[in-house]
Amino acid sequence: MFQNLQDDYTGYIISGHAEMATPGYDLVCCAVSAITQAALLGLNDHLPEKISYSIDEQGFLECFLEEDISEEDRLAANVIIRTMLLGLESIEAGYGEYLKVSKRRCNECCSE
């Protein structure tokens, strides 16, 4: 999870597999995928020209907001990303050995 100095979410990266169970039967991995992809769908629906993202089959998803979005769009993005974060933290509380949620604060966030 990436935040700027004003506590606004600027993006997120999901990487890896939970490895709680065999692929296709891993409930933690499925839950994380569903929550993070739903957030991506919400961001893409509400802010289609204001996000950049990439996703692959190896358990990698990254999504970042453009820097010059309006305050209204930033508020909408924060609600979507914060809701995603609440879901991930709930999973982490029960299955912390399989999921680690981290936050980073930065001036200019990017995927590099």
PDB file of N, CA and C in Angstrom:
ATOM      1  N   MET A   1       0.856  -1.156   0.000  1.00  0.00           N
ATOM      2  CA  MET A   1       0.000   0.000   0.000  1.00  0.00           C
ATOM      3  C   MET A   1       0.901   1.217   0.000  1.00  0.00           C
ATOM      4  N   PHE A   2       0.647   2.147  -0.885  1.00  0.00           N
ATOM      5  CA  PHE A   2       1.432   3.369  -0.976  1.00  0.00           C
ATOM      6  C   PHE A   2       0.548   4.561  -0.626  1.00  0.00           C
ATOM      7  N   GLN A   3       1.089   5.450   0.203  1.00  0.00           N
ATOM      8  CA  GLN A   3       0.400   6.677   0.586  1.00  0.00           C
ATOM      9  C   GLN A   3       1.341   7.856   0.393  1.00  0.00           C
ATOM     10  N   ASN A   4       0.748   9.020   0.115  1.00  0.00           N
ATOM     11  CA  ASN A   4       1.567  10.230   0.043  1.00  0.00           C
ATOM     12  C   ASN A   4       1.646  10.867   1.431  1.00  0.00           C
ATOM     13  N   LEU A   5       2.298  11.990   1.529  1.00  0.00           N
ATOM     14  CA  LEU A   5       2.482  12.645   2.815  1.00  0.00           C
ATOM     15  C   LEU A   5       1.180  13.179   3.402  1.00  0.00           C
ATOM     16  N   GLN A   6       0.139  13.303   2.580  1.00  0.00           N
ATOM     17  CA  GLN A   6      -1.170  13.765   3.057  1.00  0.00           C
ATOM     18  C   GLN A   6      -2.083  12.600   3.451  1.00  0.00           C
ATOM     19  N   ASP A   7      -1.525  11.391   3.515  1.00  0.00           N
ATOM     20  CA  ASP A   7      -2.251  10.163   3.869  1.00  0.00           C
ATOM     21  C   ASP A   7      -3.224   9.692   2.797  1.00  0.00           C
ATOM     22  N   ASP A   8      -3.127  10.219   1.587  1.00  0.00           N
ATOM     23  CA  ASP A   8      -3.949   9.723   0.485  1.00  0.00           C
ATOM     24  C   ASP A   8      -3.287   8.480  -0.097  1.00  0.00           C
ATOM     25  N   TYR A   9      -4.101   7.483  -0.427  1.00  0.00           N
ATOM     26  CA  TYR A   9      -3.552   6.299  -1.076  1.00  0.00           C
ATOM     27  C   TYR A   9      -3.224   6.637  -2.522  1.00  0.00           C
ATOM     28  N   THR A  10      -2.065   6.193  -2.952  1.00  0.00           N
ATOM     29  CA  THR A  10      -1.618   6.478  -4.310  1.00  0.00           C
ATOM     30  C   THR A  10      -1.508   5.219  -5.158  1.00  0.00           C
ATOM     31  N   GLY A  11      -1.584   4.053  -4.520  1.00  0.00           N
ATOM     32  CA  GLY A  11      -1.542   2.813  -5.276  1.00  0.00           C
ATOM     33  C   GLY A  11      -1.251   1.619  -4.397  1.00  0.00           C
ATOM     34  N   TYR A  12      -1.151   0.472  -5.049  1.00  0.00           N
ATOM     35  CA  TYR A  12      -0.839  -0.756  -4.321  1.00  0.00           C
ATOM     36  C   TYR A  12      -0.201  -1.769  -5.253  1.00  0.00           C
ATOM     37  N   ILE A  13       0.569  -2.652  -4.640  1.00  0.00           N
ATOM     38  CA  ILE A  13       1.197  -3.772  -5.343  1.00  0.00           C
ATOM     39  C   ILE A  13       0.877  -5.039  -4.557  1.00  0.00           C
ATOM     40  N   ILE A  14       0.444  -6.052  -5.264  1.00  0.00           N
ATOM     41  CA  ILE A  14       0.205  -7.369  -4.693  1.00  0.00           C
ATOM     42  C   ILE A  14       1.162  -8.312  -5.393  1.00  0.00           C
ATOM     43  N   SER A  15       1.884  -9.125  -4.620  1.00  0.00           N
ATOM     44  CA  SER A  15       2.881  -9.984  -5.240  1.00  0.00           C
ATOM     45  C   SER A  15       2.939 -11.338  -4.561  1.00  0.00           C
ATOM     46  N   GLY A  16       3.004 -12.372  -5.357  1.00  0.00           N
ATOM     47  CA  GLY A  16       3.196 -13.714  -4.849  1.00  0.00           C
ATOM     48  C   GLY A  16       1.905 -14.472  -4.609  1.00  0.00           C
ATOM     49  N   HIS A  17       2.079 -15.676  -4.113  1.00  0.00           N
ATOM     50  CA  HIS A  17       0.957 -16.546  -3.778  1.00  0.00           C
ATOM     51  C   HIS A  17       1.018 -16.863  -2.290  1.00  0.00           C
ATOM     52  N   ALA A  18      -0.107 -17.118  -1.685  1.00  0.00           N
ATOM     53  CA  ALA A  18      -0.166 -17.380  -0.249  1.00  0.00           C
ATOM     54  C   ALA A  18       0.477 -18.726   0.102  1.00  0.00           C
ATOM     55  N   GLU A  19       0.337 -19.716  -0.762  1.00  0.00           N
ATOM     56  CA  GLU A  19       0.868 -21.063  -0.563  1.00  0.00           C
ATOM     57  C   GLU A  19       0.309 -21.726   0.696  1.00  0.00           C
ATOM     58  N   MET A  20      -0.949 -21.425   0.999  1.00  0.00           N
ATOM     59  CA  MET A  20      -1.636 -22.088   2.109  1.00  0.00           C
ATOM     60  C   MET A  20      -2.088 -23.488   1.682  1.00  0.00           C
ATOM     61  N   ALA A  21      -2.431 -23.609   0.401  1.00  0.00           N
ATOM     62  CA  ALA A  21      -2.903 -24.881  -0.150  1.00  0.00           C
ATOM     63  C   ALA A  21      -2.458 -24.952  -1.614  1.00  0.00           C
ATOM     64  N   THR A  22      -2.791 -26.035  -2.268  1.00  0.00           N
ATOM     65  CA  THR A  22      -2.402 -26.181  -3.668  1.00  0.00           C
ATOM     66  C   THR A  22      -3.116 -25.127  -4.521  1.00  0.00           C
ATOM     67  N   PRO A  23      -2.479 -24.697  -5.613  1.00  0.00           N
ATOM     68  CA  PRO A  23      -3.107 -23.700  -6.487  1.00  0.00           C
ATOM     69  C   PRO A  23      -4.515 -24.132  -6.900  1.00  0.00           C
ATOM     70  N   GLY A  24      -5.415 -23.175  -6.874  1.00  0.00           N
ATOM     71  CA  GLY A  24      -6.810 -23.441  -7.191  1.00  0.00           C
ATOM     72  C   GLY A  24      -7.649 -23.789  -5.974  1.00  0.00           C
ATOM     73  N   TYR A  25      -7.000 -24.132  -4.861  1.00  0.00           N
ATOM     74  CA  TYR A  25      -7.700 -24.483  -3.625  1.00  0.00           C
ATOM     75  C   TYR A  25      -7.247 -23.613  -2.450  1.00  0.00           C
ATOM     76  N   ASP A  26      -6.435 -22.627  -2.731  1.00  0.00           N
ATOM     77  CA  ASP A  26      -5.868 -21.765  -1.695  1.00  0.00           C
ATOM     78  C   ASP A  26      -6.844 -20.637  -1.388  1.00  0.00           C
ATOM     79  N   LEU A  27      -7.559 -20.754  -0.266  1.00  0.00           N
ATOM     80  CA  LEU A  27      -8.589 -19.777   0.078  1.00  0.00           C
ATOM     81  C   LEU A  27      -8.017 -18.389   0.339  1.00  0.00           C
ATOM     82  N   VAL A  28      -6.834 -18.306   0.946  1.00  0.00           N
ATOM     83  CA  VAL A  28      -6.223 -16.997   1.206  1.00  0.00           C
ATOM     84  C   VAL A  28      -5.884 -16.321  -0.116  1.00  0.00           C
ATOM     85  N   CYS A  29      -5.267 -17.056  -1.005  1.00  0.00           N
ATOM     86  CA  CYS A  29      -4.898 -16.492  -2.308  1.00  0.00           C
ATOM     87  C   CYS A  29      -6.149 -16.059  -3.082  1.00  0.00           C
ATOM     88  N   CYS A  30      -7.172 -16.883  -3.061  1.00  0.00           N
ATOM     89  CA  CYS A  30      -8.425 -16.541  -3.755  1.00  0.00           C
ATOM     90  C   CYS A  30      -9.063 -15.291  -3.159  1.00  0.00           C
ATOM     91  N   ALA A  31      -9.073 -15.199  -1.839  1.00  0.00           N
ATOM     92  CA  ALA A  31      -9.680 -14.038  -1.180  1.00  0.00           C
ATOM     93  C   ALA A  31      -8.909 -12.766  -1.495  1.00  0.00           C
ATOM     94  N   VAL A  32      -7.591 -12.830  -1.422  1.00  0.00           N
ATOM     95  CA  VAL A  32      -6.762 -11.655  -1.730  1.00  0.00           C
ATOM     96  C   VAL A  32      -6.965 -11.245  -3.185  1.00  0.00           C
ATOM     97  N   SER A  33      -6.972 -12.215  -4.085  1.00  0.00           N
ATOM     98  CA  SER A  33      -7.188 -11.909  -5.502  1.00  0.00           C
ATOM     99  C   SER A  33      -8.541 -11.258  -5.733  1.00  0.00           C
ATOM    100  N   ALA A  34      -9.578 -11.804  -5.121  1.00  0.00           N
ATOM    101  CA  ALA A  34     -10.921 -11.256  -5.310  1.00  0.00           C
ATOM    102  C   ALA A  34     -11.015  -9.826  -4.787  1.00  0.00           C
ATOM    103  N   ILE A  35     -10.483  -9.584  -3.603  1.00  0.00           N
ATOM    104  CA  ILE A  35     -10.557  -8.245  -3.009  1.00  0.00           C
ATOM    105  C   ILE A  35      -9.758  -7.231  -3.815  1.00  0.00           C
ATOM    106  N   THR A  36      -8.544  -7.577  -4.183  1.00  0.00           N
ATOM    107  CA  THR A  36      -7.689  -6.608  -4.887  1.00  0.00           C
ATOM    108  C   THR A  36      -8.152  -6.374  -6.322  1.00  0.00           C
ATOM    109  N   GLN A  37      -8.661  -7.411  -6.966  1.00  0.00           N
ATOM    110  CA  GLN A  37      -9.172  -7.229  -8.324  1.00  0.00           C
ATOM    111  C   GLN A  37     -10.495  -6.466  -8.311  1.00  0.00           C
ATOM    112  N   ALA A  38     -11.312  -6.654  -7.281  1.00  0.00           N
ATOM    113  CA  ALA A  38     -12.549  -5.868  -7.161  1.00  0.00           C
ATOM    114  C   ALA A  38     -12.221  -4.393  -6.980  1.00  0.00           C
ATOM    115  N   ALA A  39     -11.189  -4.098  -6.184  1.00  0.00           N
ATOM    116  CA  ALA A  39     -10.765  -2.701  -6.026  1.00  0.00           C
ATOM    117  C   ALA A  39     -10.286  -2.136  -7.356  1.00  0.00           C
ATOM    118  N   LEU A  40      -9.524  -2.916  -8.100  1.00  0.00           N
ATOM    119  CA  LEU A  40      -9.063  -2.468  -9.414  1.00  0.00           C
ATOM    120  C   LEU A  40     -10.245  -2.200 -10.338  1.00  0.00           C
ATOM    121  N   LEU A  41     -11.239  -3.080 -10.333  1.00  0.00           N
ATOM    122  CA  LEU A  41     -12.430  -2.873 -11.152  1.00  0.00           C
ATOM    123  C   LEU A  41     -13.153  -1.585 -10.753  1.00  0.00           C
ATOM    124  N   GLY A  42     -13.272  -1.348  -9.448  1.00  0.00           N
ATOM    125  CA  GLY A  42     -13.920  -0.125  -8.972  1.00  0.00           C
ATOM    126  C   GLY A  42     -13.162   1.121  -9.382  1.00  0.00           C
ATOM    127  N   LEU A  43     -11.844   1.099  -9.215  1.00  0.00           N
ATOM    128  CA  LEU A  43     -11.030   2.247  -9.628  1.00  0.00           C
ATOM    129  C   LEU A  43     -11.123   2.471 -11.130  1.00  0.00           C
ATOM    130  N   ASN A  44     -11.061   1.386 -11.894  1.00  0.00           N
ATOM    131  CA  ASN A  44     -11.123   1.511 -13.351  1.00  0.00           C
ATOM    132  C   ASN A  44     -12.497   1.979 -13.816  1.00  0.00           C
ATOM    133  N   ASP A  45     -13.542   1.618 -13.087  1.00  0.00           N
ATOM    134  CA  ASP A  45     -14.888   2.052 -13.436  1.00  0.00           C
ATOM    135  C   ASP A  45     -15.086   3.539 -13.129  1.00  0.00           C
ATOM    136  N   HIS A  46     -14.615   3.975 -11.966  1.00  0.00           N
ATOM    137  CA  HIS A  46     -14.822   5.362 -11.549  1.00  0.00           C
ATOM    138  C   HIS A  46     -13.772   6.330 -12.089  1.00  0.00           C
ATOM    139  N   LEU A  47     -12.561   5.836 -12.321  1.00  0.00           N
ATOM    140  CA  LEU A  47     -11.452   6.706 -12.735  1.00  0.00           C
ATOM    141  C   LEU A  47     -10.676   6.082 -13.900  1.00  0.00           C
ATOM    142  N   PRO A  48     -11.347   5.751 -14.994  1.00  0.00           N
ATOM    143  CA  PRO A  48     -10.700   4.962 -16.050  1.00  0.00           C
ATOM    144  C   PRO A  48      -9.464   5.598 -16.668  1.00  0.00           C
ATOM    145  N   GLU A  49      -9.406   6.883 -16.744  1.00  0.00           N
ATOM    146  CA  GLU A  49      -8.261   7.556 -17.360  1.00  0.00           C
ATOM    147  C   GLU A  49      -7.247   8.008 -16.324  1.00  0.00           C
ATOM    148  N   LYS A  50      -7.465   7.647 -15.059  1.00  0.00           N
ATOM    149  CA  LYS A  50      -6.638   8.209 -13.994  1.00  0.00           C
ATOM    150  C   LYS A  50      -5.849   7.166 -13.222  1.00  0.00           C
ATOM    151  N   ILE A  51      -5.838   5.929 -13.722  1.00  0.00           N
ATOM    152  CA  ILE A  51      -5.037   4.889 -13.091  1.00  0.00           C
ATOM    153  C   ILE A  51      -4.194   4.182 -14.142  1.00  0.00           C
ATOM    154  N   SER A  52      -3.110   3.594 -13.686  1.00  0.00           N
ATOM    155  CA  SER A  52      -2.336   2.686 -14.527  1.00  0.00           C
ATOM    156  C   SER A  52      -2.188   1.389 -13.742  1.00  0.00           C
ATOM    157  N   TYR A  53      -2.246   0.271 -14.434  1.00  0.00           N
ATOM    158  CA  TYR A  53      -2.158  -0.998 -13.737  1.00  0.00           C
ATOM    159  C   TYR A  53      -1.580  -2.077 -14.633  1.00  0.00           C
ATOM    160  N   SER A  54      -1.081  -3.119 -13.996  1.00  0.00           N
ATOM    161  CA  SER A  54      -0.673  -4.326 -14.708  1.00  0.00           C
ATOM    162  C   SER A  54      -0.971  -5.514 -13.811  1.00  0.00           C
ATOM    163  N   ILE A  55      -1.219  -6.646 -14.438  1.00  0.00           N
ATOM    164  CA  ILE A  55      -1.601  -7.856 -13.716  1.00  0.00           C
ATOM    165  C   ILE A  55      -1.084  -9.045 -14.505  1.00  0.00           C
ATOM    166  N   ASP A  56      -0.657 -10.099 -13.797  1.00  0.00           N
ATOM    167  CA  ASP A  56      -0.228 -11.307 -14.496  1.00  0.00           C
ATOM    168  C   ASP A  56      -0.711 -12.547 -13.757  1.00  0.00           C
ATOM    169  N   GLU A  57      -0.428 -13.709 -14.315  1.00  0.00           N
ATOM    170  CA  GLU A  57      -0.904 -14.983 -13.761  1.00  0.00           C
ATOM    171  C   GLU A  57      -0.038 -15.497 -12.613  1.00  0.00           C
ATOM    172  N   GLN A  58       1.085 -14.851 -12.351  1.00  0.00           N
ATOM    173  CA  GLN A  58       1.998 -15.304 -11.307  1.00  0.00           C
ATOM    174  C   GLN A  58       1.727 -14.645  -9.947  1.00  0.00           C
ATOM    175  N   GLY A  59       0.591 -14.008  -9.806  1.00  0.00           N
ATOM    176  CA  GLY A  59       0.246 -13.415  -8.520  1.00  0.00           C
ATOM    177  C   GLY A  59       0.735 -11.991  -8.363  1.00  0.00           C
ATOM    178  N   PHE A  60       0.896 -11.274  -9.461  1.00  0.00           N
ATOM    179  CA  PHE A  60       1.362  -9.886  -9.394  1.00  0.00           C
ATOM    180  C   PHE A  60       0.272  -8.958  -9.925  1.00  0.00           C
ATOM    181  N   LEU A  61      -0.024  -7.929  -9.151  1.00  0.00           N
ATOM    182  CA  LEU A  61      -0.960  -6.892  -9.572  1.00  0.00           C
ATOM    183  C   LEU A  61      -0.433  -5.579  -9.021  1.00  0.00           C
ATOM    184  N   GLU A  62      -0.339  -4.584  -9.878  1.00  0.00           N
ATOM    185  CA  GLU A  62       0.008  -3.248  -9.392  1.00  0.00           C
ATOM    186  C   GLU A  62      -0.962  -2.250  -9.983  1.00  0.00           C
ATOM    187  N   CYS A  63      -1.301  -1.268  -9.176  1.00  0.00           N
ATOM    188  CA  CYS A  63      -2.239  -0.236  -9.590  1.00  0.00           C
ATOM    189  C   CYS A  63      -1.808   1.072  -8.933  1.00  0.00           C
ATOM    190  N   PHE A  64      -1.666   2.118  -9.744  1.00  0.00           N
ATOM    191  CA  PHE A  64      -1.275   3.426  -9.237  1.00  0.00           C
ATOM    192  C   PHE A  64      -2.163   4.499  -9.831  1.00  0.00           C
ATOM    193  N   LEU A  65      -2.473   5.487  -9.009  1.00  0.00           N
ATOM    194  CA  LEU A  65      -3.253   6.637  -9.447  1.00  0.00           C
ATOM    195  C   LEU A  65      -2.346   7.647 -10.117  1.00  0.00           C
ATOM    196  N   GLU A  66      -2.881   8.345 -11.092  1.00  0.00           N
ATOM    197  CA  GLU A  66      -2.150   9.462 -11.670  1.00  0.00           C
ATOM    198  C   GLU A  66      -1.991  10.536 -10.605  1.00  0.00           C
ATOM    199  N   GLU A  67      -0.929  11.297 -10.669  1.00  0.00           N
ATOM    200  CA  GLU A  67      -0.659  12.309  -9.643  1.00  0.00           C
ATOM    201  C   GLU A  67      -1.608  13.501  -9.710  1.00  0.00           C
ATOM    202  N   ASP A  68      -2.082  13.843 -10.883  1.00  0.00           N
ATOM    203  CA  ASP A  68      -2.852  15.077 -11.045  1.00  0.00           C
ATOM    204  C   ASP A  68      -4.364  14.860 -11.046  1.00  0.00           C
ATOM    205  N   ILE A  69      -4.865  13.986 -10.167  1.00  0.00           N
ATOM    206  CA  ILE A  69      -6.305  13.777 -10.138  1.00  0.00           C
ATOM    207  C   ILE A  69      -6.961  14.812  -9.222  1.00  0.00           C
ATOM    208  N   SER A  70      -8.233  15.046  -9.467  1.00  0.00           N
ATOM    209  CA  SER A  70      -8.970  16.044  -8.693  1.00  0.00           C
ATOM    210  C   SER A  70      -9.183  15.560  -7.259  1.00  0.00           C
ATOM    211  N   GLU A  71      -9.538  16.476  -6.381  1.00  0.00           N
ATOM    212  CA  GLU A  71      -9.805  16.127  -4.988  1.00  0.00           C
ATOM    213  C   GLU A  71     -10.980  15.155  -4.896  1.00  0.00           C
ATOM    214  N   GLU A  72     -11.995  15.367  -5.706  1.00  0.00           N
ATOM    215  CA  GLU A  72     -13.155  14.473  -5.718  1.00  0.00           C
ATOM    216  C   GLU A  72     -12.752  13.053  -6.125  1.00  0.00           C
ATOM    217  N   ASP A  73     -11.930  12.943  -7.171  1.00  0.00           N
ATOM    218  CA  ASP A  73     -11.463  11.626  -7.612  1.00  0.00           C
ATOM    219  C   ASP A  73     -10.554  10.990  -6.568  1.00  0.00           C
ATOM    220  N   ARG A  74      -9.727  11.783  -5.911  1.00  0.00           N
ATOM    221  CA  ARG A  74      -8.842  11.260  -4.872  1.00  0.00           C
ATOM    222  C   ARG A  74      -9.660  10.705  -3.700  1.00  0.00           C
ATOM    223  N   LEU A  75     -10.733  11.400  -3.332  1.00  0.00           N
ATOM    224  CA  LEU A  75     -11.600  10.911  -2.257  1.00  0.00           C
ATOM    225  C   LEU A  75     -12.243   9.578  -2.635  1.00  0.00           C
ATOM    226  N   ALA A  76     -12.735   9.476  -3.871  1.00  0.00           N
ATOM    227  CA  ALA A  76     -13.344   8.228  -4.339  1.00  0.00           C
ATOM    228  C   ALA A  76     -12.313   7.095  -4.332  1.00  0.00           C
ATOM    229  N   ALA A  77     -11.112   7.375  -4.807  1.00  0.00           N
ATOM    230  CA  ALA A  77     -10.052   6.367  -4.829  1.00  0.00           C
ATOM    231  C   ALA A  77      -9.690   5.929  -3.417  1.00  0.00           C
ATOM    232  N   ASN A  78      -9.625   6.879  -2.496  1.00  0.00           N
ATOM    233  CA  ASN A  78      -9.296   6.540  -1.110  1.00  0.00           C
ATOM    234  C   ASN A  78     -10.335   5.618  -0.496  1.00  0.00           C
ATOM    235  N   VAL A  79     -11.611   5.848  -0.801  1.00  0.00           N
ATOM    236  CA  VAL A  79     -12.667   4.980  -0.266  1.00  0.00           C
ATOM    237  C   VAL A  79     -12.496   3.564  -0.817  1.00  0.00           C
ATOM    238  N   ILE A  80     -12.256   3.440  -2.086  1.00  0.00           N
ATOM    239  CA  ILE A  80     -12.100   2.121  -2.709  1.00  0.00           C
ATOM    240  C   ILE A  80     -10.874   1.411  -2.147  1.00  0.00           C
ATOM    241  N   ILE A  81      -9.750   2.103  -2.107  1.00  0.00           N
ATOM    242  CA  ILE A  81      -8.514   1.465  -1.646  1.00  0.00           C
ATOM    243  C   ILE A  81      -8.577   1.167  -0.153  1.00  0.00           C
ATOM    244  N   ARG A  82      -9.154   2.072   0.626  1.00  0.00           N
ATOM    245  CA  ARG A  82      -9.279   1.832   2.077  1.00  0.00           C
ATOM    246  C   ARG A  82     -10.180   0.630   2.343  1.00  0.00           C
ATOM    247  N   THR A  83     -11.245   0.461   1.573  1.00  0.00           N
ATOM    248  CA  THR A  83     -12.121  -0.699   1.716  1.00  0.00           C
ATOM    249  C   THR A  83     -11.355  -1.979   1.400  1.00  0.00           C
ATOM    250  N   MET A  84     -10.546  -1.947   0.336  1.00  0.00           N
ATOM    251  CA  MET A  84      -9.707  -3.084  -0.004  1.00  0.00           C
ATOM    252  C   MET A  84      -8.760  -3.399   1.153  1.00  0.00           C
ATOM    253  N   LEU A  85      -8.136  -2.360   1.702  1.00  0.00           N
ATOM    254  CA  LEU A  85      -7.190  -2.536   2.800  1.00  0.00           C
ATOM    255  C   LEU A  85      -7.862  -3.167   4.021  1.00  0.00           C
ATOM    256  N   LEU A  86      -9.076  -2.739   4.346  1.00  0.00           N
ATOM    257  CA  LEU A  86      -9.806  -3.336   5.469  1.00  0.00           C
ATOM    258  C   LEU A  86     -10.006  -4.838   5.256  1.00  0.00           C
ATOM    259  N   GLY A  87     -10.351  -5.226   4.045  1.00  0.00           N
ATOM    260  CA  GLY A  87     -10.511  -6.650   3.729  1.00  0.00           C
ATOM    261  C   GLY A  87      -9.204  -7.412   3.860  1.00  0.00           C
ATOM    262  N   LEU A  88      -8.120  -6.836   3.345  1.00  0.00           N
ATOM    263  CA  LEU A  88      -6.819  -7.503   3.435  1.00  0.00           C
ATOM    264  C   LEU A  88      -6.343  -7.613   4.876  1.00  0.00           C
ATOM    265  N   GLU A  89      -6.542  -6.567   5.660  1.00  0.00           N
ATOM    266  CA  GLU A  89      -6.135  -6.613   7.069  1.00  0.00           C
ATOM    267  C   GLU A  89      -6.956  -7.642   7.849  1.00  0.00           C
ATOM    268  N   SER A  90      -8.203  -7.818   7.478  1.00  0.00           N
ATOM    269  CA  SER A  90      -9.033  -8.836   8.107  1.00  0.00           C
ATOM    270  C   SER A  90      -8.494 -10.233   7.799  1.00  0.00           C
ATOM    271  N   ILE A  91      -8.105 -10.460   6.573  1.00  0.00           N
ATOM    272  CA  ILE A  91      -7.504 -11.751   6.205  1.00  0.00           C
ATOM    273  C   ILE A  91      -6.174 -11.927   6.937  1.00  0.00           C
ATOM    274  N   GLU A  92      -5.385 -10.873   6.987  1.00  0.00           N
ATOM    275  CA  GLU A  92      -4.092 -10.944   7.676  1.00  0.00           C
ATOM    276  C   GLU A  92      -4.276 -11.289   9.154  1.00  0.00           C
ATOM    277  N   ALA A  93      -5.316 -10.764   9.785  1.00  0.00           N
ATOM    278  CA  ALA A  93      -5.566 -11.031  11.202  1.00  0.00           C
ATOM    279  C   ALA A  93      -5.804 -12.523  11.447  1.00  0.00           C
ATOM    280  N   GLY A  94      -6.433 -13.191  10.531  1.00  0.00           N
ATOM    281  CA  GLY A  94      -6.711 -14.614  10.695  1.00  0.00           C
ATOM    282  C   GLY A  94      -5.678 -15.540  10.087  1.00  0.00           C
ATOM    283  N   TYR A  95      -4.953 -15.040   9.090  1.00  0.00           N
ATOM    284  CA  TYR A  95      -4.021 -15.891   8.345  1.00  0.00           C
ATOM    285  C   TYR A  95      -2.693 -15.174   8.111  1.00  0.00           C
ATOM    286  N   GLY A  96      -2.189 -14.514   9.155  1.00  0.00           N
ATOM    287  CA  GLY A  96      -0.979 -13.703   9.052  1.00  0.00           C
ATOM    288  C   GLY A  96       0.255 -14.443   8.582  1.00  0.00           C
ATOM    289  N   GLU A  97       0.278 -15.757   8.771  1.00  0.00           N
ATOM    290  CA  GLU A  97       1.441 -16.504   8.287  1.00  0.00           C
ATOM    291  C   GLU A  97       1.456 -16.624   6.767  1.00  0.00           C
ATOM    292  N   TYR A  98       0.332 -16.289   6.124  1.00  0.00           N
ATOM    293  CA  TYR A  98       0.229 -16.398   4.667  1.00  0.00           C
ATOM    294  C   TYR A  98       0.097 -15.051   3.957  1.00  0.00           C
ATOM    295  N   LEU A  99      -0.097 -13.984   4.722  1.00  0.00           N
ATOM    296  CA  LEU A  99      -0.321 -12.667   4.113  1.00  0.00           C
ATOM    297  C   LEU A  99       0.293 -11.585   4.988  1.00  0.00           C
ATOM    298  N   LYS A 100       1.053 -10.694   4.361  1.00  0.00           N
ATOM    299  CA  LYS A 100       1.633  -9.556   5.063  1.00  0.00           C
ATOM    300  C   LYS A 100       1.237  -8.288   4.319  1.00  0.00           C
ATOM    301  N   VAL A 101       0.527  -7.393   5.008  1.00  0.00           N
ATOM    302  CA  VAL A 101       0.133  -6.104   4.436  1.00  0.00           C
ATOM    303  C   VAL A 101       1.140  -5.070   4.908  1.00  0.00           C
ATOM    304  N   SER A 102       1.761  -4.357   4.001  1.00  0.00           N
ATOM    305  CA  SER A 102       2.703  -3.293   4.367  1.00  0.00           C
ATOM    306  C   SER A 102       2.288  -1.987   3.727  1.00  0.00           C
ATOM    307  N   LYS A 103       2.664  -0.921   4.418  1.00  0.00           N
ATOM    308  CA  LYS A 103       2.367   0.426   3.920  1.00  0.00           C
ATOM    309  C   LYS A 103       3.670   1.182   3.754  1.00  0.00           C
ATOM    310  N   ARG A 104       3.714   1.986   2.707  1.00  0.00           N
ATOM    311  CA  ARG A 104       4.869   2.842   2.465  1.00  0.00           C
ATOM    312  C   ARG A 104       4.382   4.252   2.203  1.00  0.00           C
ATOM    313  N   ARG A 105       5.063   5.187   2.807  1.00  0.00           N
ATOM    314  CA  ARG A 105       4.743   6.599   2.597  1.00  0.00           C
ATOM    315  C   ARG A 105       5.848   7.182   1.718  1.00  0.00           C
ATOM    316  N   CYS A 106       5.441   7.955   0.730  1.00  0.00           N
ATOM    317  CA  CYS A 106       6.440   8.524  -0.174  1.00  0.00           C
ATOM    318  C   CYS A 106       5.928   9.833  -0.760  1.00  0.00           C
ATOM    319  N   ASN A 107       6.869  10.653  -1.198  1.00  0.00           N
ATOM    320  CA  ASN A 107       6.519  11.929  -1.845  1.00  0.00           C
ATOM    321  C   ASN A 107       5.933  11.674  -3.216  1.00  0.00           C
ATOM    322  N   GLU A 108       6.631  10.929  -4.028  1.00  0.00           N
ATOM    323  CA  GLU A 108       6.170  10.594  -5.375  1.00  0.00           C
ATOM    324  C   GLU A 108       6.214   9.095  -5.513  1.00  0.00           C
ATOM    325  N   CYS A 109       5.086   8.449  -5.415  1.00  0.00           N
ATOM    326  CA  CYS A 109       5.034   7.003  -5.462  1.00  0.00           C
ATOM    327  C   CYS A 109       5.006   6.509  -6.901  1.00  0.00           C
ATOM    328  N   CYS A 110       5.710   5.452  -7.090  1.00  0.00           N
ATOM    329  CA  CYS A 110       5.695   4.821  -8.405  1.00  0.00           C
ATOM    330  C   CYS A 110       6.036   3.359  -8.226  1.00  0.00           C
ATOM    331  N   SER A 111       5.902   2.584  -9.259  1.00  0.00           N
ATOM    332  CA  SER A 111       6.120   1.149  -9.160  1.00  0.00           C
ATOM    333  C   SER A 111       7.581   0.764  -9.310  1.00  0.00           C
ATOM    334  N   GLU A 112       8.439   1.711  -9.560  1.00  0.00           N
ATOM    335  CA  GLU A 112       9.858   1.377  -9.740  1.00  0.00           C
ATOM    336  C   GLU A 112      10.602   1.410  -8.437  1.00  0.00           C
TER     337      GLU A 112
END
